[in-house]
Amino acid sequence: MVEIVKSISEVVATCSEFTAVVVIVIGAIQAMGSAVIGFRRANAPVVPLVVFRGFAGWLVLALEFLLAADILKSAISPTWNDIGQLAAIAAIRTFLNYSLGHDLRHTPETNADEARLTIHRSEQPS
């Protein structure tokens, strides 16, 4: 019975890791697309912030999937070495997740119309 649960958890962990990779790829493609579109529309001052906010959200989601995969891998009869590795990985990924979430919560909201107004105002002679 333990072997069945262990094999199921390994399959689910592998699927979770694969999902994390897919999430990162989708986020990277979306970030690149946002950057290209933003720079073409002359919103250059706000493009990095918009791209960061979008991509950081995808990375937070991917980190959640990776942490779940690590927990599943060491859930069934772990050794002390497995527990130590999981604790270190969980601490690092939790810190990364917290940092990205904090950055997302504390970056100013951007509005494309406000950005265009700012750009136009800065182009007008004083």
C-alpha atoms as a PDB file:
ATOM      1  CA  MET A   1       0.000   0.000   0.000  1.00  0.00           C
ATOM      2  CA  VAL A   2       2.846   2.384   0.866  1.00  0.00           C
ATOM      3  CA  GLU A   3       4.467   1.694  -2.506  1.00  0.00           C
ATOM      4  CA  ILE A   4       1.260   2.606  -4.331  1.00  0.00           C
ATOM      5  CA  VAL A   5       0.953   5.892  -2.442  1.00  0.00           C
ATOM      6  CA  LYS A   6       4.650   6.587  -3.021  1.00  0.00           C
ATOM      7  CA  SER A   7       4.361   5.993  -6.771  1.00  0.00           C
ATOM      8  CA  ILE A   8       1.235   8.159  -6.987  1.00  0.00           C
ATOM      9  CA  SER A   9       2.943  10.977  -5.080  1.00  0.00           C
ATOM     10  CA  GLU A  10       5.960  10.751  -7.412  1.00  0.00           C
ATOM     11  CA  VAL A  11       3.704  11.064 -10.474  1.00  0.00           C
ATOM     12  CA  VAL A  12       1.822  14.001  -8.971  1.00  0.00           C
ATOM     13  CA  ALA A  13       5.114  15.674  -7.962  1.00  0.00           C
ATOM     14  CA  THR A  14       6.459  15.270 -11.496  1.00  0.00           C
ATOM     15  CA  CYS A  15       3.240  16.726 -12.925  1.00  0.00           C
ATOM     16  CA  SER A  16       3.513  19.609 -10.469  1.00  0.00           C
ATOM     17  CA  GLU A  17       7.090  20.328 -11.570  1.00  0.00           C
ATOM     18  CA  PHE A  18       6.046  20.173 -15.224  1.00  0.00           C
ATOM     19  CA  THR A  19       3.193  22.585 -14.493  1.00  0.00           C
ATOM     20  CA  ALA A  20       5.681  24.981 -12.880  1.00  0.00           C
ATOM     21  CA  VAL A  21       7.839  24.890 -16.023  1.00  0.00           C
ATOM     22  CA  VAL A  22       4.792  25.572 -18.220  1.00  0.00           C
ATOM     23  CA  VAL A  23       3.730  28.461 -15.966  1.00  0.00           C
ATOM     24  CA  ILE A  24       7.209  30.031 -16.189  1.00  0.00           C
ATOM     25  CA  VAL A  25       7.286  29.641 -19.983  1.00  0.00           C
ATOM     26  CA  ILE A  26       3.841  31.235 -20.328  1.00  0.00           C
ATOM     27  CA  GLY A  27       4.883  34.069 -18.008  1.00  0.00           C
ATOM     28  CA  ALA A  28       8.103  34.677 -19.940  1.00  0.00           C
ATOM     29  CA  ILE A  29       6.270  34.769 -23.269  1.00  0.00           C
ATOM     30  CA  GLN A  30       3.681  37.157 -21.858  1.00  0.00           C
ATOM     31  CA  ALA A  31       6.416  39.370 -20.348  1.00  0.00           C
ATOM     32  CA  MET A  32       8.294  39.544 -23.645  1.00  0.00           C
ATOM     33  CA  GLY A  33       5.079  40.353 -25.501  1.00  0.00           C
ATOM     34  CA  SER A  34       4.183  43.069 -22.997  1.00  0.00           C
ATOM     35  CA  ALA A  35       7.648  44.579 -23.316  1.00  0.00           C
ATOM     36  CA  VAL A  36       7.530  44.661 -27.111  1.00  0.00           C
ATOM     37  CA  ILE A  37       4.014  46.123 -27.194  1.00  0.00           C
ATOM     38  CA  GLY A  38       4.836  48.640 -24.465  1.00  0.00           C
ATOM     39  CA  PHE A  39       7.955  49.917 -26.156  1.00  0.00           C
ATOM     40  CA  ARG A  40       6.181  50.172 -29.520  1.00  0.00           C
ATOM     41  CA  ARG A  41       3.475  52.331 -27.939  1.00  0.00           C
ATOM     42  CA  ALA A  42       6.033  54.748 -26.467  1.00  0.00           C
ATOM     43  CA  ASN A  43       5.211  53.798 -22.867  1.00  0.00           C
ATOM     44  CA  ALA A  44       8.884  53.149 -22.200  1.00  0.00           C
ATOM     45  CA  PRO A  45       8.950  54.648 -18.673  1.00  0.00           C
ATOM     46  CA  VAL A  46       6.304  52.237 -17.371  1.00  0.00           C
ATOM     47  CA  VAL A  47       7.156  49.141 -19.400  1.00  0.00           C
ATOM     48  CA  PRO A  48       9.666  47.639 -16.924  1.00  0.00           C
ATOM     49  CA  LEU A  49       7.196  47.984 -14.050  1.00  0.00           C
ATOM     50  CA  VAL A  50       4.330  46.459 -16.019  1.00  0.00           C
ATOM     51  CA  VAL A  51       6.517  43.582 -17.223  1.00  0.00           C
ATOM     52  CA  PHE A  52       7.838  42.990 -13.686  1.00  0.00           C
ATOM     53  CA  ARG A  53       4.354  42.890 -12.159  1.00  0.00           C
ATOM     54  CA  GLY A  54       3.108  40.446 -14.765  1.00  0.00           C
ATOM     55  CA  PHE A  55       6.093  38.126 -14.710  1.00  0.00           C
ATOM     56  CA  ALA A  56       6.413  38.186 -10.905  1.00  0.00           C
ATOM     57  CA  GLY A  57       2.851  36.918 -10.601  1.00  0.00           C
ATOM     58  CA  TRP A  58       3.679  33.956 -12.836  1.00  0.00           C
ATOM     59  CA  LEU A  59       6.843  33.238 -10.834  1.00  0.00           C
ATOM     60  CA  VAL A  60       4.928  33.230  -7.551  1.00  0.00           C
ATOM     61  CA  LEU A  61       2.524  30.682  -9.003  1.00  0.00           C
ATOM     62  CA  ALA A  62       5.389  28.510 -10.280  1.00  0.00           C
ATOM     63  CA  LEU A  63       7.099  28.606  -6.870  1.00  0.00           C
ATOM     64  CA  GLU A  64       3.907  27.303  -5.268  1.00  0.00           C
ATOM     65  CA  PHE A  65       3.841  24.340  -7.665  1.00  0.00           C
ATOM     66  CA  LEU A  66       7.530  23.604  -7.028  1.00  0.00           C
ATOM     67  CA  LEU A  67       7.094  23.723  -3.262  1.00  0.00           C
ATOM     68  CA  ALA A  68       4.136  21.341  -3.538  1.00  0.00           C
ATOM     69  CA  ALA A  69       6.261  18.961  -5.615  1.00  0.00           C
ATOM     70  CA  ASP A  70       9.027  18.991  -3.004  1.00  0.00           C
ATOM     71  CA  ILE A  71       6.565  18.285  -0.214  1.00  0.00           C
ATOM     72  CA  LEU A  72       5.078  15.373  -2.154  1.00  0.00           C
ATOM     73  CA  LYS A  73       8.496  13.893  -2.883  1.00  0.00           C
ATOM     74  CA  SER A  74       9.397  13.682   0.782  1.00  0.00           C
ATOM     75  CA  ALA A  75       5.938  12.964   2.227  1.00  0.00           C
ATOM     76  CA  ILE A  76       6.185   9.185   2.329  1.00  0.00           C
ATOM     77  CA  SER A  77       8.712   7.734   4.811  1.00  0.00           C
ATOM     78  CA  PRO A  78      11.347  10.454   4.545  1.00  0.00           C
ATOM     79  CA  THR A  79      14.842  10.161   5.956  1.00  0.00           C
ATOM     80  CA  TRP A  80      16.354  12.887   8.125  1.00  0.00           C
ATOM     81  CA  ASN A  81      18.380  13.960   5.116  1.00  0.00           C
ATOM     82  CA  ASP A  82      15.164  14.331   3.077  1.00  0.00           C
ATOM     83  CA  ILE A  83      13.564  16.364   5.850  1.00  0.00           C
ATOM     84  CA  GLY A  84      16.606  18.658   6.085  1.00  0.00           C
ATOM     85  CA  GLN A  85      16.676  19.200   2.327  1.00  0.00           C
ATOM     86  CA  LEU A  86      12.943  19.892   2.272  1.00  0.00           C
ATOM     87  CA  ALA A  87      13.292  22.387   5.108  1.00  0.00           C
ATOM     88  CA  ALA A  88      16.074  24.248   3.296  1.00  0.00           C
ATOM     89  CA  ILE A  89      14.231  24.235  -0.033  1.00  0.00           C
ATOM     90  CA  ALA A  90      10.963  25.271   1.609  1.00  0.00           C
ATOM     91  CA  ALA A  91      12.684  28.125   3.456  1.00  0.00           C
ATOM     92  CA  ILE A  92      14.377  29.426   0.297  1.00  0.00           C
ATOM     93  CA  ARG A  93      11.264  29.151  -1.857  1.00  0.00           C
ATOM     94  CA  THR A  94       9.057  30.660   0.842  1.00  0.00           C
ATOM     95  CA  PHE A  95      11.460  33.595   1.155  1.00  0.00           C
ATOM     96  CA  LEU A  96      11.466  34.071  -2.627  1.00  0.00           C
ATOM     97  CA  ASN A  97       7.684  33.834  -2.731  1.00  0.00           C
ATOM     98  CA  TYR A  98       7.335  36.341   0.119  1.00  0.00           C
ATOM     99  CA  SER A  99       9.801  38.737  -1.505  1.00  0.00           C
ATOM    100  CA  LEU A 100       8.042  38.622  -4.872  1.00  0.00           C
ATOM    101  CA  GLY A 101       4.650  39.016  -3.207  1.00  0.00           C
ATOM    102  CA  HIS A 102       5.938  41.954  -1.161  1.00  0.00           C
ATOM    103  CA  ASP A 103       7.322  43.610  -4.280  1.00  0.00           C
ATOM    104  CA  LEU A 104       4.032  43.078  -6.085  1.00  0.00           C
ATOM    105  CA  ARG A 105       2.041  44.602  -3.221  1.00  0.00           C
ATOM    106  CA  HIS A 106       4.332  47.610  -2.869  1.00  0.00           C
ATOM    107  CA  THR A 107       4.922  48.628  -6.474  1.00  0.00           C
ATOM    108  CA  PRO A 108       2.706  51.474  -7.600  1.00  0.00           C
ATOM    109  CA  GLU A 109      -0.221  50.687  -9.847  1.00  0.00           C
ATOM    110  CA  THR A 110       0.361  51.784 -13.393  1.00  0.00           C
ATOM    111  CA  ASN A 111      -2.147  53.217 -15.760  1.00  0.00           C
ATOM    112  CA  ALA A 112      -1.277  53.523 -19.438  1.00  0.00           C
ATOM    113  CA  ASP A 113      -3.285  56.748 -19.814  1.00  0.00           C
ATOM    114  CA  GLU A 114      -1.478  58.362 -16.873  1.00  0.00           C
ATOM    115  CA  ALA A 115       1.849  57.233 -18.312  1.00  0.00           C
ATOM    116  CA  ARG A 116       1.042  58.780 -21.688  1.00  0.00           C
ATOM    117  CA  LEU A 117       0.093  62.043 -19.978  1.00  0.00           C
ATOM    118  CA  THR A 118       3.364  62.022 -18.067  1.00  0.00           C
ATOM    119  CA  ILE A 119       5.319  61.419 -21.264  1.00  0.00           C
ATOM    120  CA  HIS A 120       3.464  64.193 -23.114  1.00  0.00           C
ATOM    121  CA  ARG A 121       3.954  66.624 -20.221  1.00  0.00           C
ATOM    122  CA  SER A 122       7.675  65.938 -20.137  1.00  0.00           C
ATOM    123  CA  GLU A 123       7.931  66.541 -23.916  1.00  0.00           C
ATOM    124  CA  GLN A 124       6.305  69.994 -23.705  1.00  0.00           C
ATOM    125  CA  PRO A 125       8.684  72.953 -23.465  1.00  0.00           C
ATOM    126  CA  SER A 126       8.778  74.748 -20.119  1.00  0.00           C
END
